[in-house]
Amino acid sequence: MTRNDDMDKEELMKELPELNVEGEYLVIYHFGRKFGVHMENGEIIAMENELPISVSEKFNIYLLFHYIKPNSRRLYSLCK
């Protein structure tokens, strides 16, 4: 994912072991639903069906990626 300069694909997969790569997407299951996050532009798509993706589903996935960034952990520890 080019938007995340702090971590490369291998680091992301180490932090989130449930991530898999399928083509151009990082695949993650969120509440039992399979999503793909495009590695170049960050677009989130449904991987198994054509059902619409809610804003809250997208937000939760993006937030998950944000919280595993190294600076996020450092800031969180400063807020304790």
PDB file of N, CA and C in Angstrom:
ATOM      1  N   MET A   1       0.848  -1.176   0.000  1.00  0.00           N
ATOM      2  CA  MET A   1       0.000   0.000   0.000  1.00  0.00           C
ATOM      3  C   MET A   1       0.887   1.230   0.000  1.00  0.00           C
ATOM      4  N   THR A   2       0.832   2.001  -1.033  1.00  0.00           N
ATOM      5  CA  THR A   2       1.720   3.141  -1.150  1.00  0.00           C
ATOM      6  C   THR A   2       1.352   4.264  -0.195  1.00  0.00           C
ATOM      7  N   ARG A   3       0.142   4.297   0.306  1.00  0.00           N
ATOM      8  CA  ARG A   3      -0.262   5.338   1.237  1.00  0.00           C
ATOM      9  C   ARG A   3       0.426   5.172   2.600  1.00  0.00           C
ATOM     10  N   ASN A   4       0.928   3.991   2.874  1.00  0.00           N
ATOM     11  CA  ASN A   4       1.520   3.724   4.176  1.00  0.00           C
ATOM     12  C   ASN A   4       3.029   3.614   4.007  1.00  0.00           C
ATOM     13  N   ASP A   5       3.728   4.750   4.095  1.00  0.00           N
ATOM     14  CA  ASP A   5       5.166   4.768   3.876  1.00  0.00           C
ATOM     15  C   ASP A   5       5.937   4.149   5.033  1.00  0.00           C
ATOM     16  N   ASP A   6       5.335   4.075   6.217  1.00  0.00           N
ATOM     17  CA  ASP A   6       6.045   3.567   7.382  1.00  0.00           C
ATOM     18  C   ASP A   6       6.187   2.055   7.389  1.00  0.00           C
ATOM     19  N   MET A   7       5.357   1.343   6.677  1.00  0.00           N
ATOM     20  CA  MET A   7       5.367  -0.118   6.727  1.00  0.00           C
ATOM     21  C   MET A   7       5.245  -0.674   5.322  1.00  0.00           C
ATOM     22  N   ASP A   8       5.999  -1.720   5.048  1.00  0.00           N
ATOM     23  CA  ASP A   8       5.827  -2.387   3.769  1.00  0.00           C
ATOM     24  C   ASP A   8       4.872  -3.566   3.941  1.00  0.00           C
ATOM     25  N   LYS A   9       4.605  -4.234   2.845  1.00  0.00           N
ATOM     26  CA  LYS A   9       3.631  -5.326   2.841  1.00  0.00           C
ATOM     27  C   LYS A   9       3.990  -6.425   3.832  1.00  0.00           C
ATOM     28  N   GLU A  10       5.264  -6.788   3.916  1.00  0.00           N
ATOM     29  CA  GLU A  10       5.679  -7.858   4.832  1.00  0.00           C
ATOM     30  C   GLU A  10       5.469  -7.455   6.289  1.00  0.00           C
ATOM     31  N   GLU A  11       5.764  -6.196   6.608  1.00  0.00           N
ATOM     32  CA  GLU A  11       5.549  -5.715   7.977  1.00  0.00           C
ATOM     33  C   GLU A  11       4.059  -5.714   8.324  1.00  0.00           C
ATOM     34  N   LEU A  12       3.232  -5.277   7.375  1.00  0.00           N
ATOM     35  CA  LEU A  12       1.788  -5.296   7.610  1.00  0.00           C
ATOM     36  C   LEU A  12       1.296  -6.706   7.904  1.00  0.00           C
ATOM     37  N   MET A  13       1.786  -7.664   7.118  1.00  0.00           N
ATOM     38  CA  MET A  13       1.343  -9.040   7.288  1.00  0.00           C
ATOM     39  C   MET A  13       1.868  -9.639   8.589  1.00  0.00           C
ATOM     40  N   LYS A  14       2.992  -9.156   9.076  1.00  0.00           N
ATOM     41  CA  LYS A  14       3.504  -9.606  10.369  1.00  0.00           C
ATOM     42  C   LYS A  14       2.627  -9.073  11.507  1.00  0.00           C
ATOM     43  N   GLU A  15       2.210  -7.815  11.374  1.00  0.00           N
ATOM     44  CA  GLU A  15       1.365  -7.193  12.397  1.00  0.00           C
ATOM     45  C   GLU A  15      -0.073  -7.706  12.360  1.00  0.00           C
ATOM     46  N   LEU A  16      -0.547  -8.048  11.170  1.00  0.00           N
ATOM     47  CA  LEU A  16      -1.902  -8.590  10.990  1.00  0.00           C
ATOM     48  C   LEU A  16      -1.782  -9.943  10.301  1.00  0.00           C
ATOM     49  N   PRO A  17      -1.539 -11.013  11.059  1.00  0.00           N
ATOM     50  CA  PRO A  17      -1.308 -12.317  10.439  1.00  0.00           C
ATOM     51  C   PRO A  17      -2.482 -12.831   9.618  1.00  0.00           C
ATOM     52  N   GLU A  18      -3.669 -12.274   9.816  1.00  0.00           N
ATOM     53  CA  GLU A  18      -4.827 -12.726   9.047  1.00  0.00           C
ATOM     54  C   GLU A  18      -4.843 -12.149   7.625  1.00  0.00           C
ATOM     55  N   LEU A  19      -3.953 -11.209   7.327  1.00  0.00           N
ATOM     56  CA  LEU A  19      -3.865 -10.651   5.975  1.00  0.00           C
ATOM     57  C   LEU A  19      -3.283 -11.670   5.010  1.00  0.00           C
ATOM     58  N   ASN A  20      -3.818 -11.693   3.804  1.00  0.00           N
ATOM     59  CA  ASN A  20      -3.292 -12.509   2.712  1.00  0.00           C
ATOM     60  C   ASN A  20      -3.208 -11.635   1.483  1.00  0.00           C
ATOM     61  N   VAL A  21      -2.397 -12.043   0.530  1.00  0.00           N
ATOM     62  CA  VAL A  21      -2.294 -11.328  -0.737  1.00  0.00           C
ATOM     63  C   VAL A  21      -3.007 -12.147  -1.805  1.00  0.00           C
ATOM     64  N   GLU A  22      -3.903 -11.489  -2.521  1.00  0.00           N
ATOM     65  CA  GLU A  22      -4.574 -12.091  -3.677  1.00  0.00           C
ATOM     66  C   GLU A  22      -4.485 -11.079  -4.808  1.00  0.00           C
ATOM     67  N   GLY A  23      -3.593 -11.337  -5.749  1.00  0.00           N
ATOM     68  CA  GLY A  23      -3.407 -10.411  -6.855  1.00  0.00           C
ATOM     69  C   GLY A  23      -2.895  -9.078  -6.359  1.00  0.00           C
ATOM     70  N   GLU A  24      -3.645  -8.016  -6.648  1.00  0.00           N
ATOM     71  CA  GLU A  24      -3.254  -6.662  -6.254  1.00  0.00           C
ATOM     72  C   GLU A  24      -3.878  -6.231  -4.931  1.00  0.00           C
ATOM     73  N   TYR A  25      -4.445  -7.189  -4.190  1.00  0.00           N
ATOM     74  CA  TYR A  25      -5.175  -6.842  -2.976  1.00  0.00           C
ATOM     75  C   TYR A  25      -4.603  -7.523  -1.744  1.00  0.00           C
ATOM     76  N   LEU A  26      -4.619  -6.784  -0.633  1.00  0.00           N
ATOM     77  CA  LEU A  26      -4.432  -7.380   0.679  1.00  0.00           C
ATOM     78  C   LEU A  26      -5.826  -7.781   1.136  1.00  0.00           C
ATOM     79  N   VAL A  27      -5.993  -9.037   1.473  1.00  0.00           N
ATOM     80  CA  VAL A  27      -7.310  -9.573   1.814  1.00  0.00           C
ATOM     81  C   VAL A  27      -7.435  -9.707   3.321  1.00  0.00           C
ATOM     82  N   ILE A  28      -8.560  -9.245   3.822  1.00  0.00           N
ATOM     83  CA  ILE A  28      -8.845  -9.337   5.253  1.00  0.00           C
ATOM     84  C   ILE A  28     -10.322  -9.706   5.434  1.00  0.00           C
ATOM     85  N   TYR A  29     -10.583 -10.514   6.427  1.00  0.00           N
ATOM     86  CA  TYR A  29     -11.963 -10.837   6.795  1.00  0.00           C
ATOM     87  C   TYR A  29     -12.362  -9.909   7.930  1.00  0.00           C
ATOM     88  N   HIS A  30     -13.488  -9.261   7.749  1.00  0.00           N
ATOM     89  CA  HIS A  30     -14.000  -8.324   8.747  1.00  0.00           C
ATOM     90  C   HIS A  30     -15.421  -8.744   9.082  1.00  0.00           C
ATOM     91  N   PHE A  31     -15.621  -9.231  10.308  1.00  0.00           N
ATOM     92  CA  PHE A  31     -16.912  -9.754  10.756  1.00  0.00           C
ATOM     93  C   PHE A  31     -17.447 -10.798   9.777  1.00  0.00           C
ATOM     94  N   GLY A  32     -16.565 -11.699   9.343  1.00  0.00           N
ATOM     95  CA  GLY A  32     -16.953 -12.810   8.497  1.00  0.00           C
ATOM     96  C   GLY A  32     -17.103 -12.491   7.023  1.00  0.00           C
ATOM     97  N   ARG A  33     -16.845 -11.259   6.649  1.00  0.00           N
ATOM     98  CA  ARG A  33     -16.968 -10.855   5.246  1.00  0.00           C
ATOM     99  C   ARG A  33     -15.576 -10.593   4.670  1.00  0.00           C
ATOM    100  N   LYS A  34     -15.347 -11.051   3.453  1.00  0.00           N
ATOM    101  CA  LYS A  34     -14.033 -10.949   2.821  1.00  0.00           C
ATOM    102  C   LYS A  34     -13.907  -9.641   2.038  1.00  0.00           C
ATOM    103  N   PHE A  35     -12.881  -8.852   2.414  1.00  0.00           N
ATOM    104  CA  PHE A  35     -12.619  -7.577   1.754  1.00  0.00           C
ATOM    105  C   PHE A  35     -11.215  -7.581   1.175  1.00  0.00           C
ATOM    106  N   GLY A  36     -11.024  -6.799   0.137  1.00  0.00           N
ATOM    107  CA  GLY A  36      -9.708  -6.593  -0.438  1.00  0.00           C
ATOM    108  C   GLY A  36      -9.356  -5.122  -0.401  1.00  0.00           C
ATOM    109  N   VAL A  37      -8.125  -4.833   0.026  1.00  0.00           N
ATOM    110  CA  VAL A  37      -7.615  -3.462   0.034  1.00  0.00           C
ATOM    111  C   VAL A  37      -6.553  -3.383  -1.059  1.00  0.00           C
ATOM    112  N   HIS A  38      -6.821  -2.574  -2.071  1.00  0.00           N
ATOM    113  CA  HIS A  38      -5.904  -2.472  -3.202  1.00  0.00           C
ATOM    114  C   HIS A  38      -4.562  -1.932  -2.715  1.00  0.00           C
ATOM    115  N   MET A  39      -3.478  -2.602  -3.096  1.00  0.00           N
ATOM    116  CA  MET A  39      -2.145  -2.241  -2.594  1.00  0.00           C
ATOM    117  C   MET A  39      -1.616  -0.936  -3.181  1.00  0.00           C
ATOM    118  N   GLU A  40      -2.159  -0.459  -4.284  1.00  0.00           N
ATOM    119  CA  GLU A  40      -1.674   0.792  -4.874  1.00  0.00           C
ATOM    120  C   GLU A  40      -2.490   1.997  -4.445  1.00  0.00           C
ATOM    121  N   ASN A  41      -3.823   1.868  -4.454  1.00  0.00           N
ATOM    122  CA  ASN A  41      -4.649   3.049  -4.192  1.00  0.00           C
ATOM    123  C   ASN A  41      -5.466   2.979  -2.902  1.00  0.00           C
ATOM    124  N   GLY A  42      -5.427   1.848  -2.186  1.00  0.00           N
ATOM    125  CA  GLY A  42      -6.134   1.730  -0.917  1.00  0.00           C
ATOM    126  C   GLY A  42      -7.631   1.504  -1.014  1.00  0.00           C
ATOM    127  N   GLU A  43      -8.155   1.365  -2.231  1.00  0.00           N
ATOM    128  CA  GLU A  43      -9.589   1.140  -2.392  1.00  0.00           C
ATOM    129  C   GLU A  43      -9.985  -0.190  -1.758  1.00  0.00           C
ATOM    130  N   ILE A  44     -11.103  -0.199  -1.065  1.00  0.00           N
ATOM    131  CA  ILE A  44     -11.616  -1.415  -0.429  1.00  0.00           C
ATOM    132  C   ILE A  44     -12.774  -1.947  -1.269  1.00  0.00           C
ATOM    133  N   ILE A  45     -12.704  -3.238  -1.584  1.00  0.00           N
ATOM    134  CA  ILE A  45     -13.781  -3.880  -2.344  1.00  0.00           C
ATOM    135  C   ILE A  45     -14.245  -5.129  -1.609  1.00  0.00           C
ATOM    136  N   ALA A  46     -15.473  -5.545  -1.892  1.00  0.00           N
ATOM    137  CA  ALA A  46     -15.978  -6.829  -1.399  1.00  0.00           C
ATOM    138  C   ALA A  46     -15.417  -7.905  -2.315  1.00  0.00           C
ATOM    139  N   MET A  47     -14.850  -8.964  -1.752  1.00  0.00           N
ATOM    140  CA  MET A  47     -14.178  -9.987  -2.548  1.00  0.00           C
ATOM    141  C   MET A  47     -15.076 -11.171  -2.899  1.00  0.00           C
ATOM    142  N   GLU A  48     -16.156 -11.371  -2.166  1.00  0.00           N
ATOM    143  CA  GLU A  48     -16.974 -12.564  -2.396  1.00  0.00           C
ATOM    144  C   GLU A  48     -18.358 -12.286  -2.949  1.00  0.00           C
ATOM    145  N   ASN A  49     -18.808 -11.050  -2.844  1.00  0.00           N
ATOM    146  CA  ASN A  49     -20.158 -10.751  -3.329  1.00  0.00           C
ATOM    147  C   ASN A  49     -20.218  -9.308  -3.809  1.00  0.00           C
ATOM    148  N   GLU A  50     -21.340  -8.941  -4.321  1.00  0.00           N
ATOM    149  CA  GLU A  50     -21.530  -7.589  -4.852  1.00  0.00           C
ATOM    150  C   GLU A  50     -22.279  -6.680  -3.876  1.00  0.00           C
ATOM    151  N   LEU A  51     -22.453  -7.132  -2.638  1.00  0.00           N
ATOM    152  CA  LEU A  51     -23.155  -6.308  -1.663  1.00  0.00           C
ATOM    153  C   LEU A  51     -22.385  -5.020  -1.418  1.00  0.00           C
ATOM    154  N   PRO A  52     -23.093  -3.915  -1.218  1.00  0.00           N
ATOM    155  CA  PRO A  52     -22.400  -2.653  -0.964  1.00  0.00           C
ATOM    156  C   PRO A  52     -21.608  -2.709   0.351  1.00  0.00           C
ATOM    157  N   ILE A  53     -20.554  -1.933   0.385  1.00  0.00           N
ATOM    158  CA  ILE A  53     -19.723  -1.833   1.581  1.00  0.00           C
ATOM    159  C   ILE A  53     -20.128  -0.555   2.306  1.00  0.00           C
ATOM    160  N   SER A  54     -20.472  -0.691   3.575  1.00  0.00           N
ATOM    161  CA  SER A  54     -20.902   0.486   4.327  1.00  0.00           C
ATOM    162  C   SER A  54     -19.694   1.366   4.665  1.00  0.00           C
ATOM    163  N   VAL A  55     -19.990   2.614   4.934  1.00  0.00           N
ATOM    164  CA  VAL A  55     -18.952   3.560   5.337  1.00  0.00           C
ATOM    165  C   VAL A  55     -18.294   3.084   6.630  1.00  0.00           C
ATOM    166  N   SER A  56     -19.080   2.550   7.549  1.00  0.00           N
ATOM    167  CA  SER A  56     -18.499   2.101   8.822  1.00  0.00           C
ATOM    168  C   SER A  56     -17.580   0.889   8.622  1.00  0.00           C
ATOM    169  N   GLU A  57     -17.904   0.000   7.677  1.00  0.00           N
ATOM    170  CA  GLU A  57     -17.016  -1.125   7.392  1.00  0.00           C
ATOM    171  C   GLU A  57     -15.677  -0.620   6.849  1.00  0.00           C
ATOM    172  N   LYS A  58     -15.735   0.306   5.896  1.00  0.00           N
ATOM    173  CA  LYS A  58     -14.508   0.868   5.344  1.00  0.00           C
ATOM    174  C   LYS A  58     -13.706   1.586   6.430  1.00  0.00           C
ATOM    175  N   PHE A  59     -14.395   2.371   7.228  1.00  0.00           N
ATOM    176  CA  PHE A  59     -13.728   3.113   8.290  1.00  0.00           C
ATOM    177  C   PHE A  59     -13.028   2.159   9.259  1.00  0.00           C
ATOM    178  N   ASN A  60     -13.703   1.082   9.656  1.00  0.00           N
ATOM    179  CA  ASN A  60     -13.104   0.121  10.576  1.00  0.00           C
ATOM    180  C   ASN A  60     -11.840  -0.509   9.999  1.00  0.00           C
ATOM    181  N   ILE A  61     -11.868  -0.829   8.719  1.00  0.00           N
ATOM    182  CA  ILE A  61     -10.699  -1.439   8.085  1.00  0.00           C
ATOM    183  C   ILE A  61      -9.551  -0.437   7.995  1.00  0.00           C
ATOM    184  N   TYR A  62      -9.847   0.781   7.552  1.00  0.00           N
ATOM    185  CA  TYR A  62      -8.805   1.804   7.489  1.00  0.00           C
ATOM    186  C   TYR A  62      -8.243   2.097   8.880  1.00  0.00           C
ATOM    187  N   LEU A  63      -9.103   2.134   9.871  1.00  0.00           N
ATOM    188  CA  LEU A  63      -8.666   2.390  11.242  1.00  0.00           C
ATOM    189  C   LEU A  63      -7.750   1.274  11.749  1.00  0.00           C
ATOM    190  N   LEU A  64      -8.066   0.040  11.402  1.00  0.00           N
ATOM    191  CA  LEU A  64      -7.220  -1.081  11.772  1.00  0.00           C
ATOM    192  C   LEU A  64      -5.814  -0.895  11.206  1.00  0.00           C
ATOM    193  N   PHE A  65      -5.716  -0.536   9.936  1.00  0.00           N
ATOM    194  CA  PHE A  65      -4.400  -0.297   9.334  1.00  0.00           C
ATOM    195  C   PHE A  65      -3.696   0.876  10.013  1.00  0.00           C
ATOM    196  N   HIS A  66      -4.446   1.890  10.383  1.00  0.00           N
ATOM    197  CA  HIS A  66      -3.833   3.042  11.066  1.00  0.00           C
ATOM    198  C   HIS A  66      -3.240   2.630  12.408  1.00  0.00           C
ATOM    199  N   TYR A  67      -3.961   1.853  13.180  1.00  0.00           N
ATOM    200  CA  TYR A  67      -3.519   1.512  14.531  1.00  0.00           C
ATOM    201  C   TYR A  67      -2.304   0.593  14.572  1.00  0.00           C
ATOM    202  N   ILE A  68      -1.983  -0.083  13.471  1.00  0.00           N
ATOM    203  CA  ILE A  68      -0.802  -0.942  13.502  1.00  0.00           C
ATOM    204  C   ILE A  68       0.458  -0.204  13.058  1.00  0.00           C
ATOM    205  N   LYS A  69       0.326   1.043  12.643  1.00  0.00           N
ATOM    206  CA  LYS A  69       1.496   1.818  12.260  1.00  0.00           C
ATOM    207  C   LYS A  69       2.353   2.093  13.498  1.00  0.00           C
ATOM    208  N   PRO A  70       3.673   2.073  13.359  1.00  0.00           N
ATOM    209  CA  PRO A  70       4.560   2.287  14.516  1.00  0.00           C
ATOM    210  C   PRO A  70       4.288   3.593  15.261  1.00  0.00           C
ATOM    211  N   ASN A  71       4.061   4.684  14.567  1.00  0.00           N
ATOM    212  CA  ASN A  71       3.819   5.960  15.246  1.00  0.00           C
ATOM    213  C   ASN A  71       2.524   5.959  16.038  1.00  0.00           C
ATOM    214  N   SER A  72       1.537   5.209  15.600  1.00  0.00           N
ATOM    215  CA  SER A  72       0.269   5.140  16.325  1.00  0.00           C
ATOM    216  C   SER A  72       0.474   4.511  17.697  1.00  0.00           C
ATOM    217  N   ARG A  73       1.273   3.464  17.752  1.00  0.00           N
ATOM    218  CA  ARG A  73       1.537   2.816  19.041  1.00  0.00           C
ATOM    219  C   ARG A  73       2.279   3.753  19.980  1.00  0.00           C
ATOM    220  N   ARG A  74       3.229   4.496  19.441  1.00  0.00           N
ATOM    221  CA  ARG A  74       3.986   5.427  20.257  1.00  0.00           C
ATOM    222  C   ARG A  74       3.080   6.523  20.803  1.00  0.00           C
ATOM    223  N   LEU A  75       2.220   7.083  19.951  1.00  0.00           N
ATOM    224  CA  LEU A  75       1.291   8.114  20.402  1.00  0.00           C
ATOM    225  C   LEU A  75       0.316   7.560  21.428  1.00  0.00           C
ATOM    226  N   TYR A  76      -0.158   6.323  21.218  1.00  0.00           N
ATOM    227  CA  TYR A  76      -1.080   5.724  22.172  1.00  0.00           C
ATOM    228  C   TYR A  76      -0.427   5.590  23.533  1.00  0.00           C
ATOM    229  N   SER A  77       0.836   5.165  23.571  1.00  0.00           N
ATOM    230  CA  SER A  77       1.505   4.985  24.864  1.00  0.00           C
ATOM    231  C   SER A  77       1.724   6.326  25.565  1.00  0.00           C
ATOM    232  N   LEU A  78       1.881   7.409  24.811  1.00  0.00           N
ATOM    233  CA  LEU A  78       2.042   8.728  25.411  1.00  0.00           C
ATOM    234  C   LEU A  78       0.742   9.234  26.025  1.00  0.00           C
ATOM    235  N   CYS A  79      -0.394   8.754  25.520  1.00  0.00           N
ATOM    236  CA  CYS A  79      -1.707   9.200  25.999  1.00  0.00           C
ATOM    237  C   CYS A  79      -2.161   8.467  27.252  1.00  0.00           C
ATOM    238  N   LYS A  80      -1.477   7.413  27.637  1.00  0.00           N
ATOM    239  CA  LYS A  80      -1.900   6.646  28.821  1.00  0.00           C
ATOM    240  C   LYS A  80      -1.682   7.407  30.094  1.00  0.00           C
TER     241      LYS A  80
END
